[in-house]
Amino acid sequence: MGCALLMVMTARAVGGQGTVGTSASPADYIRTTPIESAPWRLPPVDANPYARTSPVLPAAFDVAPPFPAAGRPPMAAGATVLPALPADNVPRPIPHPGVPAAQSPPTTRPVSLPLVSDPFLAETLEADTIAEEFAAGPPPRDGHIDHDRRRFGGWHLFGWVQDGFTWNPASPSDGLNRPLMFNDQANDLMMNQLYLGLEKPLAKDGTEWEFGGRVDLLYGSDARFVTASGWERNRDGTEHWNGENQLYHLAIPQAYVELAAPWGDGLSVRAGHFYASMGYEQIAAPENFFYSHAYQFVYGEPFTFTGAVAAYRPASNVVTLLGFTAGWDNVDSDADPWGVLGAVGWESLDQRTTLILRAHSGADITGVRMGGHRTDDARHFVSLLFQQQVTDRLRYIIQPDFGYQEGARVVVNMAPMTITFDTAKWYGINQYLIYQLDPQLAAGLRMEWFRDQDHSRIAVPIQFNPGGSTFLGGDYVAITAGLNWKPTERICLRPEVRWDWSNFRGNGAVPGGNAGMRAFDDGHSSQQWTLAMDVILSF
């Protein structure tokens, strides 16, 4: 591989067209990293606002942004592309009827979210949980959901509309709040999600054979981040049915069938395209407490998997999961990603404590292109989620993550001029406190530290020898405080205030490096304040 890269560089130096950039991946749709000015700036280049040429690297090759570059001209044979990795959840406690709780639960349905966030694990532990309610839409009102189930043989339709606005007092010149994603548009109204789902949920109680499934449609600005190669995108990562560079996309984030068998305390198998659910936060807006998302969720976790997983409950308060996937955010691609997914979840008998360990290991897309095709290498990820119902009103959640990808960091050896590849790591800790003020109102606090150690998740992972990394730092800290107010069962308002800080900066010691580059305000500031609110209307 190193020889091939050296040949590309040599060809470029003598007038060839060798290119180094980043390849398409779902969660990197607009995760731009222009090296010459600011890491998230989007100036138009050849009618392509995402195409990017950088003076950081020597004239022997160019750098493209670490996300699907819309309208980018075809790569020359043998062109090499820098890593562009995707981003994307797991569970919270569930009630067990007949098991006495240590303390009496609230008498009204809380505004805050269920303790098990992954519907698959939650439903395996017990059917008809609060987590299932959120997955299926609002609770029955005037009997319309039950009527629909009878009418469609157990299938029912549900959905919601989510609109939001994020005020950024800095008014960035590029109009973006990045590296924040999902609510990335500064001082502009967004329709994040117009969501529609059709589902036949299963009891999964181990008493009978059951067959069901689910199909979800998502239209809105959030759909940009949940598209998958070979599904909403082509096998090479370019757009399939959505237009390049457009803000609003259409995605099918879930389409699966499910089978439950009367074995043991409950065995179920899910096959198709479904949410990865590797942490506390989820894609579906009603399943999150905050409008904005954590770095850990956006940059450190997969959003969707395609494959088959089986969940088994060996005991009433324990669930295990094992499956095989086509890699992160992928259905079919020009590389050959694959992975093994495993999880184990435990809930205390008093229903107040939950501990869930999830891991995914295999080969995944690195972003490096050889011969015009994307390549894959080993990627490993593990997430641990602990949740405690401290009192009837107060809940505490903590989630550490760790990710590791081989072949994701480009090492440029200046003398002699050669290129090699090295590993990249990312990790972080996210904590939540959620307090139920009354049946309609809850307050929440989120505190996060995320480390993009080799800049493979948020920036461009290039290391010069000598000179060091193109970018320095890599720590991101965010503190978010917000409210959830539900004046009715169908309406939820989520105001929040958020402060972000990062020691990310450019390295002036490398060719073309900009020591003044920072993470926020179009590359001009190390911190950022935002004030945001969204409204979710369920139907």
Protein backbone atom coordinates (compact mmCIF):
# COMPACT_ATOMS: atom_id res chain seq x y z
CA MET A 1 0.00 0.00 0.00
CA GLY A 2 2.82 2.40 0.86
CA CYS A 3 4.42 1.82 -2.57
CA ALA A 4 1.13 2.52 -4.32
CA LEU A 5 0.73 5.76 -2.41
CA LEU A 6 4.26 6.83 -3.24
CA MET A 7 3.52 6.20 -6.93
CA VAL A 8 0.40 8.38 -6.67
CA MET A 9 2.40 11.18 -5.08
CA THR A 10 5.12 10.90 -7.69
CA ALA A 11 2.60 11.00 -10.54
CA ARG A 12 1.01 14.12 -9.06
CA ALA A 13 4.37 15.82 -8.71
CA VAL A 14 5.11 15.34 -12.41
CA GLY A 15 1.69 16.46 -13.60
CA GLY A 16 -0.49 13.47 -12.71
CA GLN A 17 -3.79 13.60 -10.87
CA GLY A 18 -3.16 11.68 -7.65
CA THR A 19 -5.52 12.81 -4.93
CA VAL A 20 -5.65 12.41 -1.21
CA GLY A 21 -8.98 13.19 0.40
CA THR A 22 -11.74 11.53 2.31
CA SER A 23 -14.43 9.19 1.14
CA ALA A 24 -18.14 9.23 1.66
CA SER A 25 -19.67 7.94 4.86
CA PRO A 26 -23.18 8.58 6.20
CA ALA A 27 -22.48 10.47 9.37
CA ASP A 28 -19.82 12.61 7.74
CA TYR A 29 -22.27 14.16 5.24
CA ILE A 30 -21.27 17.68 6.16
CA ARG A 31 -18.54 17.03 8.68
CA THR A 32 -16.19 19.31 6.74
CA THR A 33 -12.55 19.94 7.52
CA PRO A 34 -11.08 22.64 5.32
CA ILE A 35 -7.49 22.77 6.47
CA GLU A 36 -6.59 26.10 4.94
CA SER A 37 -9.06 28.20 6.91
CA ALA A 38 -11.33 26.57 9.47
CA PRO A 39 -12.22 22.97 10.23
CA TRP A 40 -15.94 23.33 9.44
CA ARG A 41 -16.07 26.03 6.76
CA LEU A 42 -17.92 25.45 3.50
CA PRO A 43 -16.73 27.84 0.76
CA PRO A 44 -17.73 26.87 -2.80
CA VAL A 45 -15.00 25.23 -4.86
CA ASP A 46 -15.79 24.41 -8.50
CA ALA A 47 -19.53 24.73 -7.76
CA ASN A 48 -19.08 22.19 -4.98
CA PRO A 49 -19.36 23.69 -1.48
CA TYR A 50 -17.88 20.56 0.06
CA ALA A 51 -14.87 20.10 -2.24
CA ARG A 52 -11.68 21.22 -0.59
CA THR A 53 -8.05 21.72 -1.57
CA SER A 54 -5.53 22.31 1.18
CA PRO A 55 -2.07 23.86 1.30
CA VAL A 56 -1.30 21.91 4.45
CA LEU A 57 0.03 19.02 2.41
CA PRO A 58 2.89 19.44 -0.08
CA ALA A 59 2.09 19.99 -3.75
CA ALA A 60 2.40 16.27 -4.34
CA PHE A 61 -1.22 15.68 -3.40
CA ASP A 62 -4.46 17.34 -2.31
CA VAL A 63 -6.80 16.94 0.63
CA ALA A 64 -10.56 16.63 0.34
CA PRO A 65 -13.00 17.00 3.26
CA PRO A 66 -13.79 14.10 5.61
CA PHE A 67 -17.39 13.66 4.51
CA PRO A 68 -19.19 12.76 1.29
CA ALA A 69 -17.94 15.50 -1.02
CA ALA A 70 -20.95 16.34 -3.15
CA GLY A 71 -20.27 16.64 -6.85
CA ARG A 72 -16.59 15.80 -6.46
CA PRO A 73 -15.05 14.85 -9.82
CA PRO A 74 -14.16 11.16 -10.29
CA MET A 75 -10.92 10.03 -8.67
CA ALA A 76 -8.09 8.88 -10.85
CA ALA A 77 -7.21 5.20 -10.72
CA GLY A 78 -5.02 4.49 -7.73
CA ALA A 79 -6.03 7.68 -5.97
CA THR A 80 -5.78 7.52 -2.21
CA VAL A 81 -8.30 9.10 0.11
CA LEU A 82 -7.87 10.05 3.72
CA PRO A 83 -10.07 8.48 6.40
CA ALA A 84 -13.61 9.76 6.85
CA LEU A 85 -15.37 7.75 9.49
CA PRO A 86 -19.05 7.63 10.33
CA ALA A 87 -20.57 8.44 13.59
CA ASP A 88 -24.22 6.99 15.44
CA ASN A 89 -26.81 4.01 21.20
CA VAL A 90 -27.85 1.31 24.13
CA PRO A 91 -30.26 1.05 27.00
CA ARG A 92 -32.12 2.44 30.38
CA PRO A 93 -34.22 0.24 33.41
CA ILE A 94 -37.56 -1.27 32.66
CA PRO A 95 -40.38 -2.19 35.00
CA HIS A 96 -41.15 -5.79 35.90
CA PRO A 97 -44.73 -6.29 37.08
CA GLY A 98 -44.96 -8.30 40.22
CA VAL A 99 -41.50 -7.34 41.47
CA PRO A 100 -41.80 -4.93 44.40
CA ALA A 101 -39.83 -1.73 43.98
CA ALA A 102 -37.65 -0.40 46.76
CA GLN A 103 -39.53 2.88 46.53
CA SER A 104 -42.88 3.75 45.04
CA PRO A 105 -42.57 5.01 41.46
CA PRO A 106 -44.15 8.31 40.41
CA THR A 107 -47.91 8.01 40.04
CA THR A 108 -47.88 9.90 36.72
CA ARG A 109 -46.06 9.13 33.51
CA PRO A 110 -42.79 11.09 33.68
CA VAL A 111 -41.65 13.52 31.04
CA SER A 112 -38.14 12.07 31.16
CA LEU A 113 -37.12 9.05 29.14
CA PRO A 114 -37.20 5.33 29.86
CA LEU A 115 -34.21 3.74 31.51
CA VAL A 116 -33.72 1.33 28.62
CA SER A 117 -33.14 3.25 25.41
CA ASP A 118 -32.66 0.32 23.03
CA PRO A 119 -36.16 -0.95 22.17
CA PHE A 120 -34.83 -4.39 21.17
CA LEU A 121 -33.22 -5.04 24.55
CA ALA A 122 -36.11 -3.43 26.38
CA GLU A 123 -38.75 -5.46 24.60
CA THR A 124 -36.77 -8.64 25.17
CA LEU A 125 -36.65 -8.02 28.89
CA GLU A 126 -40.35 -7.27 28.94
CA ALA A 127 -43.07 -6.26 26.49
CA ASP A 128 -45.22 -3.13 26.81
CA THR A 129 -42.48 -1.14 28.50
CA ILE A 130 -42.14 2.61 28.50
CA ALA A 131 -39.32 2.21 26.00
CA GLU A 132 -41.71 0.48 23.64
CA GLU A 133 -44.20 3.30 24.07
CA PHE A 134 -41.61 5.80 22.90
CA ALA A 135 -40.62 3.58 20.00
CA ALA A 136 -44.24 3.14 18.93
CA GLY A 137 -45.38 6.71 19.39
CA PRO A 138 -47.70 8.33 21.93
CA PRO A 139 -49.80 6.21 24.30
CA PRO A 140 -53.34 5.27 23.24
CA ARG A 141 -55.69 8.22 23.20
CA ASP A 142 -59.38 7.76 22.47
CA GLY A 143 -58.48 4.19 21.56
CA HIS A 144 -57.08 5.06 18.14
CA ILE A 145 -53.88 2.99 18.40
CA ASP A 146 -55.70 -0.12 19.62
CA HIS A 147 -58.25 0.35 16.84
CA ASP A 148 -55.47 0.57 14.26
CA ARG A 149 -53.89 -2.62 15.57
CA ARG A 150 -57.14 -4.53 15.20
CA ARG A 151 -57.72 -2.99 11.81
CA PHE A 152 -54.28 -3.85 10.43
CA GLY A 153 -53.85 -7.22 12.09
CA GLY A 154 -51.57 -5.93 14.83
CA TRP A 155 -49.79 -3.36 12.64
CA HIS A 156 -50.08 0.31 13.56
CA LEU A 157 -48.95 3.64 12.16
CA PHE A 158 -47.28 6.38 14.20
CA GLY A 159 -45.00 9.38 13.82
CA TRP A 160 -44.03 12.89 14.81
CA VAL A 161 -42.85 16.24 13.49
CA GLN A 162 -39.86 18.01 15.06
CA ASP A 163 -38.93 21.63 14.37
CA GLY A 164 -36.15 23.54 16.11
CA PHE A 165 -34.12 26.74 16.25
CA THR A 166 -30.59 27.31 17.56
CA TRP A 167 -29.42 30.82 18.40
CA ASN A 168 -25.67 31.33 18.21
CA PRO A 169 -24.71 34.79 19.56
CA ALA A 170 -21.38 34.63 17.69
CA SER A 171 -23.25 34.51 14.34
CA PRO A 172 -20.53 32.44 12.60
CA SER A 173 -19.69 33.70 9.13
CA ASP A 174 -20.35 30.24 7.65
CA GLY A 175 -23.77 30.10 9.34
CA LEU A 176 -22.93 26.87 11.15
CA ASN A 177 -22.71 25.76 14.79
CA ARG A 178 -20.23 23.02 13.96
CA PRO A 179 -18.76 20.82 15.21
CA LEU A 180 -22.28 20.49 16.65
CA MET A 181 -24.35 18.31 14.37
CA PHE A 182 -28.08 17.77 13.80
CA ASN A 183 -28.83 21.32 15.06
CA ASP A 184 -25.85 22.59 13.06
CA GLN A 185 -27.57 25.54 11.33
CA ALA A 186 -26.95 28.79 13.25
CA ASN A 187 -29.83 31.25 13.74
CA ASP A 188 -32.11 29.41 11.35
CA LEU A 189 -35.32 27.41 11.74
CA MET A 190 -34.97 23.72 10.91
CA MET A 191 -37.40 20.88 10.34
CA ASN A 192 -35.27 18.17 11.84
CA GLN A 193 -37.64 15.25 11.55
CA LEU A 194 -40.86 14.37 9.79
CA TYR A 195 -41.06 10.78 10.96
CA LEU A 196 -43.44 7.99 9.99
CA GLY A 197 -43.33 4.39 11.21
CA LEU A 198 -45.31 1.22 10.60
CA GLU A 199 -44.79 -1.50 13.19
CA LYS A 200 -46.13 -4.78 14.48
CA PRO A 201 -44.63 -5.11 17.99
CA LEU A 202 -44.17 -8.48 19.64
CA ALA A 203 -44.88 -9.55 23.21
CA LYS A 204 -41.62 -11.56 23.44
CA ASP A 205 -42.74 -13.26 26.63
CA GLY A 206 -41.64 -16.75 25.63
CA THR A 207 -45.17 -18.17 25.50
CA GLU A 208 -45.82 -18.40 21.74
CA TRP A 209 -44.43 -17.94 18.24
CA GLU A 210 -44.76 -14.37 16.95
CA PHE A 211 -43.89 -12.57 13.74
CA GLY A 212 -43.62 -8.81 13.23
CA GLY A 213 -41.48 -6.06 11.85
CA ARG A 214 -41.06 -2.36 11.33
CA VAL A 215 -40.43 0.20 8.57
CA ASP A 216 -39.51 3.83 9.30
CA LEU A 217 -39.35 6.83 6.98
CA LEU A 218 -37.47 9.97 7.97
CA TYR A 219 -37.55 13.25 6.07
CA GLY A 220 -35.77 16.35 7.31
CA SER A 221 -32.37 17.79 8.07
CA ASP A 222 -31.53 14.93 10.46
CA ALA A 223 -31.82 12.42 7.63
CA ARG A 224 -28.46 13.65 6.26
CA PHE A 225 -26.68 11.79 9.04
CA VAL A 226 -28.47 8.43 9.01
CA THR A 227 -27.99 7.43 5.38
CA ALA A 228 -26.13 4.19 4.64
CA SER A 229 -23.94 3.01 1.77
CA GLY A 230 -25.84 0.70 -0.54
CA TRP A 231 -29.16 2.06 0.73
CA GLU A 232 -29.74 5.81 0.62
CA ARG A 233 -26.23 6.12 -0.81
CA ASN A 234 -24.53 4.28 -3.64
CA ARG A 235 -21.95 1.59 -2.96
CA ASP A 236 -19.15 4.15 -3.31
CA GLY A 237 -20.76 6.48 -0.76
CA THR A 238 -22.16 9.04 -3.20
CA GLU A 239 -25.79 10.07 -2.97
CA HIS A 240 -28.36 7.71 -4.45
CA TRP A 241 -31.81 9.28 -4.29
CA ASN A 242 -30.98 12.46 -2.36
CA GLY A 243 -29.33 15.43 -4.01
CA GLU A 244 -25.78 16.33 -3.09
CA ASN A 245 -25.38 19.35 -0.79
CA GLN A 246 -29.10 19.65 0.05
CA LEU A 247 -30.16 20.26 3.64
CA TYR A 248 -33.23 18.02 3.64
CA HIS A 249 -32.93 14.31 2.90
CA LEU A 250 -35.18 11.27 2.84
CA ALA A 251 -33.95 8.18 4.68
CA ILE A 252 -35.24 4.73 5.61
CA PRO A 253 -33.37 4.23 8.90
CA GLN A 254 -35.20 1.02 9.78
CA ALA A 255 -36.70 -1.81 7.72
CA TYR A 256 -36.63 -5.18 9.46
CA VAL A 257 -38.59 -8.32 10.26
CA GLU A 258 -38.69 -9.91 13.69
CA LEU A 259 -39.43 -13.36 15.04
CA ALA A 260 -40.08 -14.37 18.66
CA ALA A 261 -39.91 -18.00 19.78
CA PRO A 262 -41.35 -19.71 22.90
CA TRP A 263 -37.95 -20.82 24.14
CA GLY A 264 -36.78 -20.18 27.68
CA ASP A 265 -37.85 -16.80 29.03
CA GLY A 266 -37.88 -15.30 25.54
CA LEU A 267 -35.84 -15.55 22.34
CA SER A 268 -36.24 -13.07 19.49
CA VAL A 269 -34.41 -12.51 16.20
CA ARG A 270 -34.33 -9.29 14.19
CA ALA A 271 -33.07 -9.17 10.59
CA GLY A 272 -32.76 -6.22 8.25
CA HIS A 273 -31.76 -2.57 8.64
CA PHE A 274 -32.12 -1.11 12.14
CA TYR A 275 -30.79 1.46 14.61
CA ALA A 276 -27.46 0.57 16.19
CA SER A 277 -28.48 1.92 19.63
CA MET A 278 -24.97 1.79 21.07
CA GLY A 279 -25.50 4.41 23.77
CA TYR A 280 -28.01 6.47 25.70
CA GLU A 281 -28.91 8.89 22.90
CA GLN A 282 -30.99 7.88 19.89
CA ILE A 283 -31.91 9.16 16.42
CA ALA A 284 -35.66 9.32 17.13
CA ALA A 285 -36.35 12.75 18.62
CA PRO A 286 -38.89 11.63 21.31
CA GLU A 287 -36.33 9.22 22.76
CA ASN A 288 -33.87 11.96 23.77
CA PHE A 289 -34.07 14.45 26.60
CA PHE A 290 -32.08 17.18 24.82
CA TYR A 291 -32.51 18.78 21.41
CA SER A 292 -28.77 18.86 20.67
CA HIS A 293 -26.64 15.72 20.66
CA ALA A 294 -23.43 14.74 22.42
CA TYR A 295 -20.14 14.46 20.51
CA GLN A 296 -19.98 10.88 21.73
CA PHE A 297 -23.18 10.04 19.88
CA VAL A 298 -22.52 12.07 16.73
CA TYR A 299 -18.85 11.22 16.13
CA GLY A 300 -18.12 8.16 18.22
CA GLU A 301 -20.95 5.68 17.59
CA PRO A 302 -22.66 4.03 14.61
CA PHE A 303 -26.18 5.13 13.73
CA THR A 304 -27.46 2.04 11.91
CA PHE A 305 -26.60 -1.60 11.34
CA THR A 306 -27.70 -4.04 8.66
CA GLY A 307 -27.67 -7.70 9.56
CA ALA A 308 -29.27 -10.12 12.00
CA VAL A 309 -29.24 -10.11 15.80
CA ALA A 310 -30.72 -12.48 18.36
CA ALA A 311 -31.71 -11.49 21.89
CA TYR A 312 -32.24 -14.03 24.67
CA ARG A 313 -33.37 -13.57 28.24
CA PRO A 314 -31.70 -16.17 30.48
CA ALA A 315 -33.33 -14.61 33.54
CA SER A 316 -36.14 -12.14 34.15
CA ASN A 317 -33.69 -9.27 34.68
CA VAL A 318 -30.89 -10.27 32.28
CA VAL A 319 -30.78 -10.05 28.49
CA THR A 320 -28.03 -11.04 26.07
CA LEU A 321 -27.63 -10.11 22.41
CA LEU A 322 -25.46 -11.52 19.63
CA GLY A 323 -25.48 -10.75 15.93
CA PHE A 324 -23.63 -10.21 12.68
CA THR A 325 -23.64 -6.89 10.78
CA ALA A 326 -22.41 -5.33 7.54
CA GLY A 327 -20.46 -2.72 9.51
CA TRP A 328 -21.24 0.82 10.60
CA ASP A 329 -23.92 2.65 8.59
CA ASN A 330 -23.62 0.26 5.69
CA VAL A 331 -25.85 -2.06 3.68
CA ASP A 332 -23.53 -2.72 0.73
CA SER A 333 -20.35 -0.93 -0.32
CA ASP A 334 -17.32 -1.12 -2.56
CA ALA A 335 -15.29 -2.18 0.48
CA ASP A 336 -15.95 -5.32 2.52
CA PRO A 337 -16.96 -4.22 6.04
CA TRP A 338 -18.40 -6.67 8.54
CA GLY A 339 -18.82 -6.91 12.27
CA VAL A 340 -19.94 -8.96 15.25
CA LEU A 341 -22.32 -7.27 17.68
CA GLY A 342 -22.68 -8.39 21.28
CA ALA A 343 -24.40 -7.04 24.38
CA VAL A 344 -25.42 -8.03 27.87
CA GLY A 345 -27.85 -6.07 30.02
CA TRP A 346 -28.74 -6.39 33.69
CA GLU A 347 -31.42 -4.72 35.76
CA SER A 348 -31.78 -4.87 39.53
CA LEU A 349 -34.91 -6.55 40.88
CA ASP A 350 -36.06 -3.26 42.38
CA GLN A 351 -35.93 -1.79 38.85
CA ARG A 352 -33.73 1.11 39.92
CA THR A 353 -30.34 0.13 38.48
CA THR A 354 -29.37 -0.84 34.95
CA LEU A 355 -25.98 -1.86 33.56
CA ILE A 356 -25.50 -2.61 29.85
CA LEU A 357 -22.28 -3.49 28.04
CA ARG A 358 -22.27 -3.41 24.24
CA ALA A 359 -19.45 -4.07 21.78
CA HIS A 360 -18.98 -4.24 18.03
CA SER A 361 -15.86 -5.67 16.43
CA GLY A 362 -14.90 -6.33 12.83
CA ALA A 363 -13.57 -4.57 9.75
CA ASP A 364 -14.94 -1.20 8.71
CA ILE A 365 -14.43 1.49 6.11
CA THR A 366 -11.32 3.55 6.81
CA GLY A 367 -11.87 6.20 4.15
CA VAL A 368 -8.64 5.32 2.34
CA ARG A 369 -9.18 4.64 -1.37
CA MET A 370 -6.98 2.34 -3.42
CA GLY A 371 -7.61 2.00 -7.14
CA GLY A 372 -10.68 4.21 -6.80
CA HIS A 373 -12.31 1.94 -4.20
CA ARG A 374 -12.73 2.38 -0.48
CA THR A 375 -10.79 0.10 1.83
CA ASP A 376 -11.57 -1.42 5.21
CA ASP A 377 -9.54 -2.32 8.26
CA ALA A 378 -10.14 -3.54 11.80
CA ARG A 379 -12.42 -1.39 13.95
CA HIS A 380 -13.41 -2.14 17.55
CA PHE A 381 -15.89 -0.28 19.73
CA VAL A 382 -17.19 -0.79 23.25
CA SER A 383 -19.75 1.15 25.30
CA LEU A 384 -20.81 0.78 28.93
CA LEU A 385 -24.04 2.32 30.15
CA PHE A 386 -24.90 2.64 33.85
CA GLN A 387 -28.16 4.15 35.06
CA GLN A 388 -29.46 4.68 38.55
CA GLN A 389 -32.86 5.85 39.72
CA VAL A 390 -31.48 7.76 42.71
CA THR A 391 -34.88 8.84 44.01
CA ASP A 392 -38.40 8.69 42.62
CA ARG A 393 -37.64 11.97 40.83
CA LEU A 394 -33.89 11.91 40.15
CA ARG A 395 -32.09 9.73 37.63
CA TYR A 396 -28.32 9.54 36.98
CA ILE A 397 -26.71 8.14 33.82
CA ILE A 398 -23.05 7.70 32.91
CA GLN A 399 -21.67 6.26 29.69
CA PRO A 400 -17.99 5.76 28.79
CA ASP A 401 -17.11 4.80 25.18
CA PHE A 402 -13.92 3.63 23.50
CA GLY A 403 -13.24 3.21 19.78
CA TYR A 404 -10.20 1.97 17.85
CA GLN A 405 -9.62 1.86 14.08
CA GLU A 406 -6.61 0.48 12.27
CA GLY A 407 -5.39 2.17 9.11
CA ALA A 408 -7.31 5.37 9.84
CA ARG A 409 -4.43 7.80 10.39
CA VAL A 410 -2.19 8.91 7.52
CA VAL A 411 1.50 9.29 8.36
CA VAL A 412 3.53 11.40 5.91
CA ASN A 413 7.26 10.77 6.18
CA MET A 414 8.90 13.82 4.62
CA ALA A 415 12.34 12.30 4.02
CA PRO A 416 12.13 10.04 2.20
CA MET A 417 8.68 10.98 0.91
CA THR A 418 6.54 7.96 1.86
CA ILE A 419 3.10 7.43 3.31
CA THR A 420 2.11 4.82 5.87
CA PHE A 421 -1.02 4.25 7.93
CA ASP A 422 -1.49 3.99 11.67
CA THR A 423 -4.27 3.43 14.19
CA ALA A 424 -6.68 6.06 15.48
CA LYS A 425 -8.50 6.15 18.81
CA TRP A 426 -11.45 8.04 20.25
CA TYR A 427 -13.07 7.84 23.68
CA GLY A 428 -15.11 9.85 26.13
CA ILE A 429 -17.47 9.99 29.10
CA ASN A 430 -20.99 11.36 29.07
CA GLN A 431 -23.13 11.98 32.16
CA TYR A 432 -26.76 12.98 32.67
CA LEU A 433 -28.88 14.11 35.59
CA ILE A 434 -32.64 14.16 34.98
CA TYR A 435 -35.01 15.49 37.62
CA GLN A 436 -38.80 15.16 37.42
CA LEU A 437 -40.28 18.45 38.67
CA ASP A 438 -43.91 17.48 38.07
CA PRO A 439 -45.81 15.16 35.69
CA GLN A 440 -45.43 17.63 32.81
CA LEU A 441 -42.01 19.15 33.50
CA ALA A 442 -38.50 17.73 33.89
CA ALA A 443 -35.07 19.36 34.12
CA GLY A 444 -31.86 17.86 32.81
CA LEU A 445 -28.10 18.40 32.86
CA ARG A 446 -25.60 16.77 30.49
CA MET A 447 -21.84 16.92 31.01
CA GLU A 448 -19.52 15.47 28.39
CA TRP A 449 -15.84 15.04 27.64
CA PHE A 450 -14.92 13.55 24.27
CA ARG A 451 -11.37 12.90 23.05
CA ASP A 452 -10.69 12.63 19.32
CA GLN A 453 -7.12 11.56 19.97
CA ASP A 454 -5.94 11.31 16.37
CA HIS A 455 -8.49 13.69 14.79
CA SER A 456 -10.02 10.84 12.79
CA ARG A 457 -13.59 11.53 13.92
CA ILE A 458 -13.98 15.31 13.73
CA ALA A 459 -10.98 16.60 11.74
CA VAL A 460 -8.42 15.13 9.31
CA PRO A 461 -6.01 12.50 10.70
CA ILE A 462 -2.68 13.47 9.11
CA GLN A 463 0.65 13.08 10.89
CA PHE A 464 3.86 14.60 9.47
CA ASN A 465 7.29 13.24 10.34
CA PRO A 466 8.86 15.57 11.26
CA GLY A 467 6.37 18.25 12.25
CA GLY A 468 3.67 16.36 14.09
CA SER A 469 -0.06 16.19 13.57
CA THR A 470 -1.82 18.65 11.26
CA PHE A 471 -4.07 19.47 14.20
CA LEU A 472 -3.30 19.58 17.90
CA GLY A 473 -5.50 19.11 20.94
CA GLY A 474 -8.54 16.92 20.38
CA ASP A 475 -10.48 17.36 23.64
CA TYR A 476 -14.11 18.51 23.44
CA VAL A 477 -16.11 19.50 26.53
CA ALA A 478 -19.82 20.31 26.49
CA ILE A 479 -22.25 21.23 29.27
CA THR A 480 -25.96 21.37 28.45
CA ALA A 481 -28.88 22.32 30.69
CA GLY A 482 -32.46 22.04 29.54
CA LEU A 483 -36.12 21.38 30.23
CA ASN A 484 -38.75 19.02 28.87
CA TRP A 485 -42.27 20.38 29.08
CA LYS A 486 -45.23 18.30 27.91
CA PRO A 487 -48.42 20.38 28.12
CA THR A 488 -50.19 17.41 26.48
CA GLU A 489 -49.22 13.82 25.74
CA ARG A 490 -48.65 14.75 22.10
CA ILE A 491 -46.58 17.93 22.46
CA CYS A 492 -43.10 18.27 23.95
CA LEU A 493 -41.02 21.48 24.12
CA ARG A 494 -37.28 21.18 24.86
CA PRO A 495 -35.43 24.45 25.52
CA GLU A 496 -31.72 24.22 26.32
CA VAL A 497 -28.58 26.27 26.84
CA ARG A 498 -25.24 24.76 25.87
CA TRP A 499 -21.58 25.69 26.31
CA ASP A 500 -18.83 24.00 24.29
CA TRP A 501 -15.06 24.23 24.62
CA SER A 502 -12.18 22.55 22.80
CA ASN A 503 -8.38 22.74 22.80
CA PHE A 504 -8.41 21.84 19.10
CA ARG A 505 -6.01 24.07 17.15
CA GLY A 506 -3.94 24.09 14.01
CA ASN A 507 -0.27 23.19 13.96
CA GLY A 508 1.93 25.88 12.42
CA ALA A 509 4.94 23.54 12.36
CA VAL A 510 3.63 21.44 9.45
CA PRO A 511 3.52 22.48 5.78
CA GLY A 512 0.69 24.97 5.33
CA GLY A 513 -0.40 24.64 8.95
CA ASN A 514 -2.47 27.41 10.55
CA ALA A 515 -1.65 27.85 14.23
CA GLY A 516 -4.58 30.23 14.65
CA MET A 517 -7.25 27.71 13.70
CA ARG A 518 -9.81 26.86 16.40
CA ALA A 519 -12.85 24.62 16.70
CA PHE A 520 -15.79 27.04 16.80
CA ASP A 521 -17.11 30.22 15.16
CA ASP A 522 -15.87 29.24 11.72
CA GLY A 523 -12.43 28.40 13.10
CA HIS A 524 -11.96 31.54 15.21
CA SER A 525 -12.88 30.53 18.77
CA SER A 526 -12.14 27.82 21.32
CA GLN A 527 -15.61 28.02 22.85
CA GLN A 528 -19.23 28.45 21.83
CA TRP A 529 -22.56 29.31 23.48
CA THR A 530 -25.86 28.25 21.95
CA LEU A 531 -29.46 28.67 23.04
CA ALA A 532 -31.88 26.29 21.36
CA MET A 533 -35.40 24.91 21.50
CA ASP A 534 -37.40 22.40 19.53
CA VAL A 535 -41.02 21.27 19.49
CA ILE A 536 -42.11 17.66 18.92
CA LEU A 537 -45.68 16.95 17.86
CA SER A 538 -46.52 13.23 17.98
CA PHE A 539 -49.36 11.64 16.06
